[in-house]
């Protein structure tokens, strides 16, 4: 439901979302997080929304996909001259889960197709 899959027919079975897993692992209150979806399409809007929310002082949970240009996003964020952490969250909730935290000057690069980013001052 986080990515707007409610339009699909059939029963919706609730579960723990990637947002909940990421914020729990990083000890970040969900109330401090803005969710940006750039999965499937809308990559440019996702980039701009992420930059805008970071400027507002929010922590961004970015749900992206393999075609999302993280290097372009990182370049835009670096121009803000704001100290930012970036947590790359891959395969959350799976045995091969990996969370890598770096800063905007040396950001992490996704190695898996199933990932999200947490960006901000945390």
PDB file of N, CA and C in Angstrom:
ATOM      1  N   UNK A   1       0.815  -1.195   0.000  1.00  0.00           N
ATOM      2  CA  UNK A   1       0.000   0.000   0.000  1.00  0.00           C
ATOM      3  C   UNK A   1       0.863   1.265   0.000  1.00  0.00           C
ATOM      4  N   UNK A   2       2.088   1.173   0.446  1.00  0.00           N
ATOM      5  CA  UNK A   2       2.969   2.340   0.485  1.00  0.00           C
ATOM      6  C   UNK A   2       3.200   2.898  -0.906  1.00  0.00           C
ATOM      7  N   UNK A   3       3.287   2.036  -1.902  1.00  0.00           N
ATOM      8  CA  UNK A   3       3.518   2.480  -3.274  1.00  0.00           C
ATOM      9  C   UNK A   3       2.219   2.608  -4.062  1.00  0.00           C
ATOM     10  N   UNK A   4       1.084   2.585  -3.392  1.00  0.00           N
ATOM     11  CA  UNK A   4      -0.178   2.792  -4.080  1.00  0.00           C
ATOM     12  C   UNK A   4      -0.699   1.588  -4.815  1.00  0.00           C
ATOM     13  N   UNK A   5      -0.513   0.400  -4.273  1.00  0.00           N
ATOM     14  CA  UNK A   5      -0.969  -0.809  -4.936  1.00  0.00           C
ATOM     15  C   UNK A   5      -2.424  -1.145  -4.610  1.00  0.00           C
ATOM     16  N   UNK A   6      -3.109  -0.253  -3.930  1.00  0.00           N
ATOM     17  CA  UNK A   6      -4.497  -0.489  -3.557  1.00  0.00           C
ATOM     18  C   UNK A   6      -5.436  -0.612  -4.731  1.00  0.00           C
ATOM     19  N   UNK A   7      -5.024  -0.203  -5.909  1.00  0.00           N
ATOM     20  CA  UNK A   7      -5.864  -0.315  -7.098  1.00  0.00           C
ATOM     21  C   UNK A   7      -5.973  -1.761  -7.595  1.00  0.00           C
ATOM     22  N   UNK A   8      -5.096  -2.632  -7.138  1.00  0.00           N
ATOM     23  CA  UNK A   8      -5.132  -4.025  -7.570  1.00  0.00           C
ATOM     24  C   UNK A   8      -6.345  -4.726  -6.963  1.00  0.00           C
ATOM     25  N   UNK A   9      -6.965  -5.568  -7.738  1.00  0.00           N
ATOM     26  CA  UNK A   9      -8.126  -6.321  -7.250  1.00  0.00           C
ATOM     27  C   UNK A   9      -7.668  -7.431  -6.310  1.00  0.00           C
ATOM     28  N   UNK A  10      -8.577  -7.864  -5.489  1.00  0.00           N
ATOM     29  CA  UNK A  10      -8.288  -8.967  -4.590  1.00  0.00           C
ATOM     30  C   UNK A  10      -8.148  -8.496  -3.159  1.00  0.00           C
ATOM     31  N   UNK A  11      -7.915  -9.424  -2.310  1.00  0.00           N
ATOM     32  CA  UNK A  11      -7.798  -9.145  -0.884  1.00  0.00           C
ATOM     33  C   UNK A  11      -6.462  -8.468  -0.580  1.00  0.00           C
ATOM     34  N   UNK A  12      -6.503  -7.463   0.250  1.00  0.00           N
ATOM     35  CA  UNK A  12      -5.291  -6.788   0.711  1.00  0.00           C
ATOM     36  C   UNK A  12      -4.983  -7.323   2.106  1.00  0.00           C
ATOM     37  N   UNK A  13      -3.836  -7.952   2.240  1.00  0.00           N
ATOM     38  CA  UNK A  13      -3.428  -8.517   3.523  1.00  0.00           C
ATOM     39  C   UNK A  13      -2.352  -7.604   4.101  1.00  0.00           C
ATOM     40  N   UNK A  14      -2.649  -6.945   5.220  1.00  0.00           N
ATOM     41  CA  UNK A  14      -1.676  -6.002   5.775  1.00  0.00           C
ATOM     42  C   UNK A  14      -0.463  -6.715   6.348  1.00  0.00           C
ATOM     43  N   UNK A  15       0.632  -6.021   6.299  1.00  0.00           N
ATOM     44  CA  UNK A  15       1.871  -6.556   6.852  1.00  0.00           C
ATOM     45  C   UNK A  15       2.771  -5.406   7.262  1.00  0.00           C
ATOM     46  N   UNK A  16       3.952  -5.713   7.645  1.00  0.00           N
ATOM     47  CA  UNK A  16       4.918  -4.688   8.036  1.00  0.00           C
ATOM     48  C   UNK A  16       5.538  -4.133   6.760  1.00  0.00           C
ATOM     49  N   UNK A  17       5.494  -2.813   6.618  1.00  0.00           N
ATOM     50  CA  UNK A  17       6.014  -2.173   5.414  1.00  0.00           C
ATOM     51  C   UNK A  17       7.516  -1.953   5.515  1.00  0.00           C
ATOM     52  N   UNK A  18       8.120  -1.703   4.362  1.00  0.00           N
ATOM     53  CA  UNK A  18       9.547  -1.392   4.334  1.00  0.00           C
ATOM     54  C   UNK A  18       9.833  -0.107   5.114  1.00  0.00           C
ATOM     55  N   UNK A  19       8.895   0.824   5.117  1.00  0.00           N
ATOM     56  CA  UNK A  19       9.040   2.048   5.909  1.00  0.00           C
ATOM     57  C   UNK A  19       9.144   1.715   7.394  1.00  0.00           C
ATOM     58  N   UNK A  20       8.286   0.846   7.873  1.00  0.00           N
ATOM     59  CA  UNK A  20       8.324   0.470   9.285  1.00  0.00           C
ATOM     60  C   UNK A  20       9.614  -0.257   9.643  1.00  0.00           C
ATOM     61  N   UNK A  21      10.054  -1.144   8.781  1.00  0.00           N
ATOM     62  CA  UNK A  21      11.292  -1.879   9.044  1.00  0.00           C
ATOM     63  C   UNK A  21      12.476  -0.914   9.072  1.00  0.00           C
ATOM     64  N   UNK A  22      12.570  -0.042   8.070  1.00  0.00           N
ATOM     65  CA  UNK A  22      13.700   0.895   7.994  1.00  0.00           C
ATOM     66  C   UNK A  22      13.747   1.825   9.201  1.00  0.00           C
ATOM     67  N   UNK A  23      12.619   2.407   9.560  1.00  0.00           N
ATOM     68  CA  UNK A  23      12.632   3.340  10.692  1.00  0.00           C
ATOM     69  C   UNK A  23      12.922   2.618  12.003  1.00  0.00           C
ATOM     70  N   UNK A  24      12.439   1.398  12.154  1.00  0.00           N
ATOM     71  CA  UNK A  24      12.744   0.628  13.364  1.00  0.00           C
ATOM     72  C   UNK A  24      14.229   0.302  13.442  1.00  0.00           C
ATOM     73  N   UNK A  25      14.799  -0.160  12.332  1.00  0.00           N
ATOM     74  CA  UNK A  25      16.223  -0.509  12.333  1.00  0.00           C
ATOM     75  C   UNK A  25      17.109   0.710  12.587  1.00  0.00           C
ATOM     76  N   UNK A  26      16.682   1.869  12.086  1.00  0.00           N
ATOM     77  CA  UNK A  26      17.491   3.093  12.219  1.00  0.00           C
ATOM     78  C   UNK A  26      17.104   3.925  13.449  1.00  0.00           C
ATOM     79  N   UNK A  27      16.120   3.459  14.212  1.00  0.00           N
ATOM     80  CA  UNK A  27      15.663   4.151  15.428  1.00  0.00           C
ATOM     81  C   UNK A  27      15.193   5.577  15.127  1.00  0.00           C
ATOM     82  N   UNK A  28      14.405   5.719  14.064  1.00  0.00           N
ATOM     83  CA  UNK A  28      13.867   7.017  13.651  1.00  0.00           C
ATOM     84  C   UNK A  28      12.353   6.982  13.836  1.00  0.00           C
ATOM     85  N   UNK A  29      11.774   7.960  14.555  1.00  0.00           N
ATOM     86  CA  UNK A  29      10.317   8.009  14.668  1.00  0.00           C
ATOM     87  C   UNK A  29       9.677   8.263  13.295  1.00  0.00           C
ATOM     88  N   UNK A  30       8.664   7.485  12.964  1.00  0.00           N
ATOM     89  CA  UNK A  30       7.996   7.645  11.673  1.00  0.00           C
ATOM     90  C   UNK A  30       7.445   9.060  11.519  1.00  0.00           C
ATOM     91  N   UNK A  31       7.081   9.704  12.617  1.00  0.00           N
ATOM     92  CA  UNK A  31       6.523  11.061  12.548  1.00  0.00           C
ATOM     93  C   UNK A  31       7.519  12.080  11.994  1.00  0.00           C
ATOM     94  N   UNK A  32       8.799  11.742  11.962  1.00  0.00           N
ATOM     95  CA  UNK A  32       9.816  12.658  11.431  1.00  0.00           C
ATOM     96  C   UNK A  32      10.105  12.407   9.951  1.00  0.00           C
ATOM     97  N   UNK A  33       9.382  11.465   9.351  1.00  0.00           N
ATOM     98  CA  UNK A  33       9.706  11.006   8.007  1.00  0.00           C
ATOM     99  C   UNK A  33       8.666  11.466   6.990  1.00  0.00           C
ATOM    100  N   UNK A  34       9.155  11.896   5.834  1.00  0.00           N
ATOM    101  CA  UNK A  34       8.313  12.147   4.664  1.00  0.00           C
ATOM    102  C   UNK A  34       8.565  11.019   3.670  1.00  0.00           C
ATOM    103  N   UNK A  35       7.496  10.449   3.151  1.00  0.00           N
ATOM    104  CA  UNK A  35       7.607   9.354   2.199  1.00  0.00           C
ATOM    105  C   UNK A  35       7.572   9.916   0.780  1.00  0.00           C
ATOM    106  N   UNK A  36       8.544   9.504  -0.035  1.00  0.00           N
ATOM    107  CA  UNK A  36       8.583   9.877  -1.448  1.00  0.00           C
ATOM    108  C   UNK A  36       8.624   8.581  -2.253  1.00  0.00           C
ATOM    109  N   UNK A  37       7.676   8.449  -3.174  1.00  0.00           N
ATOM    110  CA  UNK A  37       7.625   7.264  -4.017  1.00  0.00           C
ATOM    111  C   UNK A  37       8.122   7.628  -5.410  1.00  0.00           C
ATOM    112  N   UNK A  38       9.201   6.997  -5.818  1.00  0.00           N
ATOM    113  CA  UNK A  38       9.765   7.170  -7.161  1.00  0.00           C
ATOM    114  C   UNK A  38       9.975   5.789  -7.748  1.00  0.00           C
ATOM    115  N   UNK A  39       8.958   4.990  -7.636  1.00  0.00           N
ATOM    116  CA  UNK A  39       9.027   3.604  -8.092  1.00  0.00           C
ATOM    117  C   UNK A  39       8.150   3.461  -9.322  1.00  0.00           C
ATOM    118  N   UNK A  40       8.686   2.906 -10.378  1.00  0.00           N
ATOM    119  CA  UNK A  40       7.919   2.702 -11.603  1.00  0.00           C
ATOM    120  C   UNK A  40       8.032   3.864 -12.560  1.00  0.00           C
ATOM    121  N   UNK A  41       7.503   5.009 -12.176  1.00  0.00           N
ATOM    122  CA  UNK A  41       7.629   6.213 -12.988  1.00  0.00           C
ATOM    123  C   UNK A  41       7.623   7.401 -12.039  1.00  0.00           C
ATOM    124  N   UNK A  42       7.846   8.555 -12.572  1.00  0.00           N
ATOM    125  CA  UNK A  42       7.882   9.729 -11.718  1.00  0.00           C
ATOM    126  C   UNK A  42       9.227   9.946 -11.055  1.00  0.00           C
ATOM    127  N   UNK A  43      10.287   9.513 -11.727  1.00  0.00           N
ATOM    128  CA  UNK A  43      11.619   9.650 -11.144  1.00  0.00           C
ATOM    129  C   UNK A  43      12.002  11.116 -10.920  1.00  0.00           C
ATOM    130  N   UNK A  44      11.730  11.981 -11.879  1.00  0.00           N
ATOM    131  CA  UNK A  44      12.085  13.392 -11.729  1.00  0.00           C
ATOM    132  C   UNK A  44      11.320  14.020 -10.563  1.00  0.00           C
ATOM    133  N   UNK A  45      10.039  13.738 -10.483  1.00  0.00           N
ATOM    134  CA  UNK A  45       9.244  14.256  -9.366  1.00  0.00           C
ATOM    135  C   UNK A  45       9.768  13.714  -8.045  1.00  0.00           C
ATOM    136  N   UNK A  46      10.154  12.446  -8.036  1.00  0.00           N
ATOM    137  CA  UNK A  46      10.707  11.859  -6.821  1.00  0.00           C
ATOM    138  C   UNK A  46      11.990  12.549  -6.382  1.00  0.00           C
ATOM    139  N   UNK A  47      12.831  12.875  -7.355  1.00  0.00           N
ATOM    140  CA  UNK A  47      14.070  13.601  -7.024  1.00  0.00           C
ATOM    141  C   UNK A  47      13.758  14.969  -6.451  1.00  0.00           C
ATOM    142  N   UNK A  48      12.867  15.710  -7.132  1.00  0.00           N
ATOM    143  CA  UNK A  48      12.549  17.060  -6.674  1.00  0.00           C
ATOM    144  C   UNK A  48      11.857  17.036  -5.319  1.00  0.00           C
ATOM    145  N   UNK A  49      10.933  16.115  -5.115  1.00  0.00           N
ATOM    146  CA  UNK A  49      10.260  15.999  -3.818  1.00  0.00           C
ATOM    147  C   UNK A  49      11.249  15.679  -2.713  1.00  0.00           C
ATOM    148  N   UNK A  50      12.219  14.820  -3.000  1.00  0.00           N
ATOM    149  CA  UNK A  50      13.236  14.475  -2.002  1.00  0.00           C
ATOM    150  C   UNK A  50      14.046  15.700  -1.614  1.00  0.00           C
ATOM    151  N   UNK A  51      14.521  16.441  -2.595  1.00  0.00           N
ATOM    152  CA  UNK A  51      15.299  17.658  -2.326  1.00  0.00           C
ATOM    153  C   UNK A  51      14.462  18.654  -1.526  1.00  0.00           C
ATOM    154  N   UNK A  52      13.214  18.854  -1.920  1.00  0.00           N
ATOM    155  CA  UNK A  52      12.343  19.811  -1.218  1.00  0.00           C
ATOM    156  C   UNK A  52      12.122  19.410   0.238  1.00  0.00           C
ATOM    157  N   UNK A  53      11.874  18.136   0.478  1.00  0.00           N
ATOM    158  CA  UNK A  53      11.634  17.670   1.852  1.00  0.00           C
ATOM    159  C   UNK A  53      12.896  17.772   2.710  1.00  0.00           C
ATOM    160  N   UNK A  54      14.050  17.471   2.136  1.00  0.00           N
ATOM    161  CA  UNK A  54      15.309  17.611   2.870  1.00  0.00           C
ATOM    162  C   UNK A  54      15.541  19.076   3.233  1.00  0.00           C
ATOM    163  N   UNK A  55      15.243  19.985   2.322  1.00  0.00           N
ATOM    164  CA  UNK A  55      15.375  21.424   2.602  1.00  0.00           C
ATOM    165  C   UNK A  55      14.480  21.849   3.761  1.00  0.00           C
ATOM    166  N   UNK A  56      13.340  21.188   3.903  1.00  0.00           N
ATOM    167  CA  UNK A  56      12.409  21.480   4.993  1.00  0.00           C
ATOM    168  C   UNK A  56      12.869  20.863   6.315  1.00  0.00           C
ATOM    169  N   UNK A  57      13.955  20.106   6.280  1.00  0.00           N
ATOM    170  CA  UNK A  57      14.464  19.487   7.495  1.00  0.00           C
ATOM    171  C   UNK A  57      13.861  18.132   7.800  1.00  0.00           C
ATOM    172  N   UNK A  58      13.129  17.561   6.852  1.00  0.00           N
ATOM    173  CA  UNK A  58      12.531  16.252   7.065  1.00  0.00           C
ATOM    174  C   UNK A  58      13.519  15.144   6.711  1.00  0.00           C
ATOM    175  N   UNK A  59      13.319  13.994   7.298  1.00  0.00           N
ATOM    176  CA  UNK A  59      14.018  12.781   6.903  1.00  0.00           C
ATOM    177  C   UNK A  59      13.158  12.140   5.814  1.00  0.00           C
ATOM    178  N   UNK A  60      13.752  11.769   4.707  1.00  0.00           N
ATOM    179  CA  UNK A  60      13.005  11.222   3.582  1.00  0.00           C
ATOM    180  C   UNK A  60      13.195   9.717   3.511  1.00  0.00           C
ATOM    181  N   UNK A  61      12.085   9.021   3.363  1.00  0.00           N
ATOM    182  CA  UNK A  61      12.102   7.608   3.026  1.00  0.00           C
ATOM    183  C   UNK A  61      11.756   7.553   1.554  1.00  0.00           C
ATOM    184  N   UNK A  62      12.717   7.191   0.722  1.00  0.00           N
ATOM    185  CA  UNK A  62      12.547   7.173  -0.726  1.00  0.00           C
ATOM    186  C   UNK A  62      12.421   5.740  -1.213  1.00  0.00           C
ATOM    187  N   UNK A  63      11.273   5.437  -1.779  1.00  0.00           N
ATOM    188  CA  UNK A  63      11.032   4.126  -2.367  1.00  0.00           C
ATOM    189  C   UNK A  63      11.333   4.255  -3.852  1.00  0.00           C
ATOM    190  N   UNK A  64      12.418   3.642  -4.298  1.00  0.00           N
ATOM    191  CA  UNK A  64      12.888   3.795  -5.667  1.00  0.00           C
ATOM    192  C   UNK A  64      12.863   2.455  -6.390  1.00  0.00           C
ATOM    193  N   UNK A  65      13.391   2.454  -7.593  1.00  0.00           N
ATOM    194  CA  UNK A  65      13.506   1.225  -8.371  1.00  0.00           C
ATOM    195  C   UNK A  65      14.857   1.200  -9.075  1.00  0.00           C
ATOM    196  N   UNK A  66      15.219   0.096  -9.730  1.00  0.00           N
ATOM    197  CA  UNK A  66      16.558  -0.003 -10.344  1.00  0.00           C
ATOM    198  C   UNK A  66      16.851   1.067 -11.395  1.00  0.00           C
ATOM    199  N   UNK A  67      15.831   1.632 -12.036  1.00  0.00           N
ATOM    200  CA  UNK A  67      16.052   2.651 -13.058  1.00  0.00           C
ATOM    201  C   UNK A  67      16.196   4.057 -12.485  1.00  0.00           C
ATOM    202  N   UNK A  68      15.951   4.221 -11.198  1.00  0.00           N
ATOM    203  CA  UNK A  68      16.088   5.540 -10.564  1.00  0.00           C
ATOM    204  C   UNK A  68      17.567   5.901 -10.500  1.00  0.00           C
ATOM    205  N   UNK A  69      17.900   7.104 -10.915  1.00  0.00           N
ATOM    206  CA  UNK A  69      19.298   7.550 -10.983  1.00  0.00           C
ATOM    207  C   UNK A  69      19.752   8.107  -9.631  1.00  0.00           C
ATOM    208  N   UNK A  70      20.258   7.220  -8.766  1.00  0.00           N
ATOM    209  CA  UNK A  70      20.698   7.668  -7.447  1.00  0.00           C
ATOM    210  C   UNK A  70      21.871   8.632  -7.539  1.00  0.00           C
ATOM    211  N   UNK A  71      22.705   8.498  -8.548  1.00  0.00           N
ATOM    212  CA  UNK A  71      23.856   9.392  -8.682  1.00  0.00           C
ATOM    213  C   UNK A  71      23.411  10.824  -8.956  1.00  0.00           C
ATOM    214  N   UNK A  72      22.378  10.988  -9.765  1.00  0.00           N
ATOM    215  CA  UNK A  72      21.811  12.321 -10.015  1.00  0.00           C
ATOM    216  C   UNK A  72      21.219  12.891  -8.730  1.00  0.00           C
ATOM    217  N   UNK A  73      20.500  12.066  -7.977  1.00  0.00           N
ATOM    218  CA  UNK A  73      19.933  12.525  -6.711  1.00  0.00           C
ATOM    219  C   UNK A  73      21.041  12.952  -5.755  1.00  0.00           C
ATOM    220  N   UNK A  74      22.077  12.133  -5.628  1.00  0.00           N
ATOM    221  CA  UNK A  74      23.186  12.458  -4.736  1.00  0.00           C
ATOM    222  C   UNK A  74      23.849  13.769  -5.138  1.00  0.00           C
ATOM    223  N   UNK A  75      24.012  14.009  -6.425  1.00  0.00           N
ATOM    224  CA  UNK A  75      24.619  15.266  -6.904  1.00  0.00           C
ATOM    225  C   UNK A  75      23.754  16.452  -6.510  1.00  0.00           C
ATOM    226  N   UNK A  76      22.444  16.323  -6.652  1.00  0.00           N
ATOM    227  CA  UNK A  76      21.540  17.415  -6.262  1.00  0.00           C
ATOM    228  C   UNK A  76      21.593  17.666  -4.758  1.00  0.00           C
ATOM    229  N   UNK A  77      21.623  16.594  -3.988  1.00  0.00           N
ATOM    230  CA  UNK A  77      21.661  16.748  -2.530  1.00  0.00           C
ATOM    231  C   UNK A  77      22.967  17.367  -2.062  1.00  0.00           C
ATOM    232  N   UNK A  78      24.058  17.018  -2.706  1.00  0.00           N
ATOM    233  CA  UNK A  78      25.363  17.554  -2.299  1.00  0.00           C
ATOM    234  C   UNK A  78      25.442  19.058  -2.508  1.00  0.00           C
ATOM    235  N   UNK A  79      24.751  19.585  -3.508  1.00  0.00           N
ATOM    236  CA  UNK A  79      24.776  21.035  -3.751  1.00  0.00           C
ATOM    237  C   UNK A  79      24.073  21.819  -2.655  1.00  0.00           C
ATOM    238  N   UNK A  80      23.283  21.155  -1.829  1.00  0.00           N
ATOM    239  CA  UNK A  80      22.578  21.842  -0.743  1.00  0.00           C
ATOM    240  C   UNK A  80      23.510  22.266   0.386  1.00  0.00           C
ATOM    241  N   UNK A  81      24.670  21.662   0.459  1.00  0.00           N
ATOM    242  CA  UNK A  81      25.635  21.931   1.526  1.00  0.00           C
ATOM    243  C   UNK A  81      25.025  21.723   2.912  1.00  0.00           C
ATOM    244  N   UNK A  82      24.226  20.688   3.028  1.00  0.00           N
ATOM    245  CA  UNK A  82      23.622  20.286   4.304  1.00  0.00           C
ATOM    246  C   UNK A  82      24.239  18.944   4.672  1.00  0.00           C
ATOM    247  N   UNK A  83      24.720  18.786   5.913  1.00  0.00           N
ATOM    248  CA  UNK A  83      25.243  17.462   6.290  1.00  0.00           C
ATOM    249  C   UNK A  83      24.093  16.449   6.336  1.00  0.00           C
ATOM    250  N   UNK A  84      24.194  15.435   5.503  1.00  0.00           N
ATOM    251  CA  UNK A  84      23.133  14.439   5.402  1.00  0.00           C
ATOM    252  C   UNK A  84      23.692  13.038   5.505  1.00  0.00           C
ATOM    253  N   UNK A  85      22.963  12.187   6.194  1.00  0.00           N
ATOM    254  CA  UNK A  85      23.235  10.757   6.166  1.00  0.00           C
ATOM    255  C   UNK A  85      22.333  10.119   5.129  1.00  0.00           C
ATOM    256  N   UNK A  86      22.824   9.070   4.514  1.00  0.00           N
ATOM    257  CA  UNK A  86      22.022   8.295   3.574  1.00  0.00           C
ATOM    258  C   UNK A  86      22.146   6.829   3.964  1.00  0.00           C
ATOM    259  N   UNK A  87      21.001   6.232   4.257  1.00  0.00           N
ATOM    260  CA  UNK A  87      20.966   4.801   4.570  1.00  0.00           C
ATOM    261  C   UNK A  87      20.400   4.073   3.367  1.00  0.00           C
ATOM    262  N   UNK A  88      21.186   3.193   2.819  1.00  0.00           N
ATOM    263  CA  UNK A  88      20.739   2.308   1.748  1.00  0.00           C
ATOM    264  C   UNK A  88      20.176   1.064   2.413  1.00  0.00           C
ATOM    265  N   UNK A  89      18.914   0.800   2.166  1.00  0.00           N
ATOM    266  CA  UNK A  89      18.224  -0.332   2.790  1.00  0.00           C
ATOM    267  C   UNK A  89      17.841  -1.320   1.696  1.00  0.00           C
ATOM    268  N   UNK A  90      18.478  -2.469   1.706  1.00  0.00           N
ATOM    269  CA  UNK A  90      18.232  -3.478   0.683  1.00  0.00           C
ATOM    270  C   UNK A  90      17.594  -4.723   1.290  1.00  0.00           C
ATOM    271  N   UNK A  91      16.631  -5.266   0.577  1.00  0.00           N
ATOM    272  CA  UNK A  91      15.987  -6.536   0.957  1.00  0.00           C
ATOM    273  C   UNK A  91      15.486  -6.532   2.398  1.00  0.00           C
ATOM    274  N   UNK A  92      14.853  -5.436   2.797  1.00  0.00           N
ATOM    275  CA  UNK A  92      14.377  -5.327   4.177  1.00  0.00           C
ATOM    276  C   UNK A  92      13.406  -6.450   4.520  1.00  0.00           C
ATOM    277  N   UNK A  93      13.636  -7.060   5.662  1.00  0.00           N
ATOM    278  CA  UNK A  93      12.788  -8.138   6.135  1.00  0.00           C
ATOM    279  C   UNK A  93      13.154  -9.508   5.605  1.00  0.00           C
ATOM    280  N   UNK A  94      14.113  -9.577   4.713  1.00  0.00           N
ATOM    281  CA  UNK A  94      14.565 -10.851   4.158  1.00  0.00           C
ATOM    282  C   UNK A  94      15.873 -11.257   4.831  1.00  0.00           C
ATOM    283  N   UNK A  95      16.246 -12.536   4.763  1.00  0.00           N
ATOM    284  CA  UNK A  95      17.497 -12.979   5.402  1.00  0.00           C
ATOM    285  C   UNK A  95      18.731 -12.225   4.900  1.00  0.00           C
ATOM    286  N   UNK A  96      18.719 -11.797   3.633  1.00  0.00           N
ATOM    287  CA  UNK A  96      19.871 -11.087   3.081  1.00  0.00           C
ATOM    288  C   UNK A  96      19.763  -9.567   3.246  1.00  0.00           C
ATOM    289  N   UNK A  97      18.945  -9.123   4.209  1.00  0.00           N
ATOM    290  CA  UNK A  97      18.783  -7.688   4.481  1.00  0.00           C
ATOM    291  C   UNK A  97      20.139  -7.026   4.709  1.00  0.00           C
ATOM    292  N   UNK A  98      20.269  -5.815   4.174  1.00  0.00           N
ATOM    293  CA  UNK A  98      21.504  -5.053   4.362  1.00  0.00           C
ATOM    294  C   UNK A  98      21.153  -3.582   4.477  1.00  0.00           C
ATOM    295  N   UNK A  99      21.709  -2.917   5.487  1.00  0.00           N
ATOM    296  CA  UNK A  99      21.561  -1.475   5.644  1.00  0.00           C
ATOM    297  C   UNK A  99      22.964  -0.891   5.747  1.00  0.00           C
ATOM    298  N   UNK A 100      23.251   0.027   4.860  1.00  0.00           N
ATOM    299  CA  UNK A 100      24.559   0.676   4.803  1.00  0.00           C
ATOM    300  C   UNK A 100      24.349   2.174   4.966  1.00  0.00           C
ATOM    301  N   UNK A 101      24.976   2.772   5.973  1.00  0.00           N
ATOM    302  CA  UNK A 101      24.814   4.208   6.239  1.00  0.00           C
ATOM    303  C   UNK A 101      26.107   4.929   5.908  1.00  0.00           C
ATOM    304  N   UNK A 102      26.000   5.915   5.048  1.00  0.00           N
ATOM    305  CA  UNK A 102      27.129   6.767   4.677  1.00  0.00           C
ATOM    306  C   UNK A 102      26.631   8.199   4.600  1.00  0.00           C
ATOM    307  N   UNK A 103      27.510   9.133   4.267  1.00  0.00           N
ATOM    308  CA  UNK A 103      27.055  10.514   4.154  1.00  0.00           C
ATOM    309  C   UNK A 103      26.967  10.927   2.688  1.00  0.00           C
ATOM    310  N   UNK A 104      26.435  12.116   2.462  1.00  0.00           N
ATOM    311  CA  UNK A 104      26.165  12.575   1.101  1.00  0.00           C
ATOM    312  C   UNK A 104      27.447  12.764   0.282  1.00  0.00           C
ATOM    313  N   UNK A 105      28.568  12.957   0.941  1.00  0.00           N
ATOM    314  CA  UNK A 105      29.834  13.115   0.216  1.00  0.00           C
ATOM    315  C   UNK A 105      30.386  11.781  -0.281  1.00  0.00           C
ATOM    316  N   UNK A 106      29.968  10.700   0.362  1.00  0.00           N
ATOM    317  CA  UNK A 106      30.404   9.357  -0.028  1.00  0.00           C
ATOM    318  C   UNK A 106      29.195   8.412   0.085  1.00  0.00           C
ATOM    319  N   UNK A 107      28.207   8.611  -0.782  1.00  0.00           N
ATOM    320  CA  UNK A 107      26.937   7.899  -0.619  1.00  0.00           C
ATOM    321  C   UNK A 107      27.009   6.433  -1.039  1.00  0.00           C
ATOM    322  N   UNK A 108      26.129   5.623  -0.479  1.00  0.00           N
ATOM    323  CA  UNK A 108      26.088   4.202  -0.834  1.00  0.00           C
ATOM    324  C   UNK A 108      25.407   3.979  -2.176  1.00  0.00           C
ATOM    325  N   UNK A 109      25.806   2.940  -2.865  1.00  0.00           N
ATOM    326  CA  UNK A 109      25.217   2.595  -4.161  1.00  0.00           C
ATOM    327  C   UNK A 109      24.456   1.280  -4.054  1.00  0.00           C
ATOM    328  N   UNK A 110      23.230   1.259  -4.568  1.00  0.00           N
ATOM    329  CA  UNK A 110      22.440   0.024  -4.511  1.00  0.00           C
ATOM    330  C   UNK A 110      23.091  -1.113  -5.296  1.00  0.00           C
ATOM    331  N   UNK A 111      23.084  -2.288  -4.700  1.00  0.00           N
ATOM    332  CA  UNK A 111      23.580  -3.488  -5.381  1.00  0.00           C
ATOM    333  C   UNK A 111      22.420  -4.409  -5.734  1.00  0.00           C
ATOM    334  N   UNK A 112      21.269  -4.161  -5.148  1.00  0.00           N
ATOM    335  CA  UNK A 112      20.093  -5.005  -5.341  1.00  0.00           C
ATOM    336  C   UNK A 112      18.967  -4.196  -5.975  1.00  0.00           C
ATOM    337  N   UNK A 113      18.024  -4.887  -6.579  1.00  0.00           N
ATOM    338  CA  UNK A 113      16.876  -4.219  -7.194  1.00  0.00           C
ATOM    339  C   UNK A 113      15.859  -3.772  -6.154  1.00  0.00           C
ATOM    340  N   UNK A 114      15.787  -4.471  -5.039  1.00  0.00           N
ATOM    341  CA  UNK A 114      14.821  -4.169  -3.990  1.00  0.00           C
ATOM    342  C   UNK A 114      15.480  -3.330  -2.911  1.00  0.00           C
ATOM    343  N   UNK A 115      15.317  -2.005  -3.029  1.00  0.00           N
ATOM    344  CA  UNK A 115      15.968  -1.112  -2.070  1.00  0.00           C
ATOM    345  C   UNK A 115      15.145   0.144  -1.826  1.00  0.00           C
ATOM    346  N   UNK A 116      15.487   0.816  -0.750  1.00  0.00           N
ATOM    347  CA  UNK A 116      14.955   2.141  -0.450  1.00  0.00           C
ATOM    348  C   UNK A 116      16.102   2.938   0.163  1.00  0.00           C
ATOM    349  N   UNK A 117      15.901   4.256   0.216  1.00  0.00           N
ATOM    350  CA  UNK A 117      16.890   5.142   0.814  1.00  0.00           C
ATOM    351  C   UNK A 117      16.243   5.932   1.931  1.00  0.00           C
ATOM    352  N   UNK A 118      16.989   6.130   2.997  1.00  0.00           N
ATOM    353  CA  UNK A 118      16.573   7.034   4.059  1.00  0.00           C
ATOM    354  C   UNK A 118      17.608   8.150   4.062  1.00  0.00           C
ATOM    355  N   UNK A 119      17.126   9.388   3.900  1.00  0.00           N
ATOM    356  CA  UNK A 119      18.011  10.527   3.699  1.00  0.00           C
ATOM    357  C   UNK A 119      17.669  11.621   4.693  1.00  0.00           C
ATOM    358  N   UNK A 120      18.679  12.113   5.408  1.00  0.00           N
ATOM    359  CA  UNK A 120      18.431  13.230   6.328  1.00  0.00           C
ATOM    360  C   UNK A 120      19.447  13.282   7.433  1.00  0.00           C
ATOM    361  N   UNK A 121      19.096  14.061   8.427  1.00  0.00           N
ATOM    362  CA  UNK A 121      19.972  14.237   9.586  1.00  0.00           C
ATOM    363  C   UNK A 121      19.471  13.293  10.682  1.00  0.00           C
ATOM    364  N   UNK A 122      20.014  12.111  10.703  1.00  0.00           N
ATOM    365  CA  UNK A 122      19.622  11.112  11.709  1.00  0.00           C
ATOM    366  C   UNK A 122      20.837  10.411  12.262  1.00  0.00           C
TER     367      UNK A 122
END
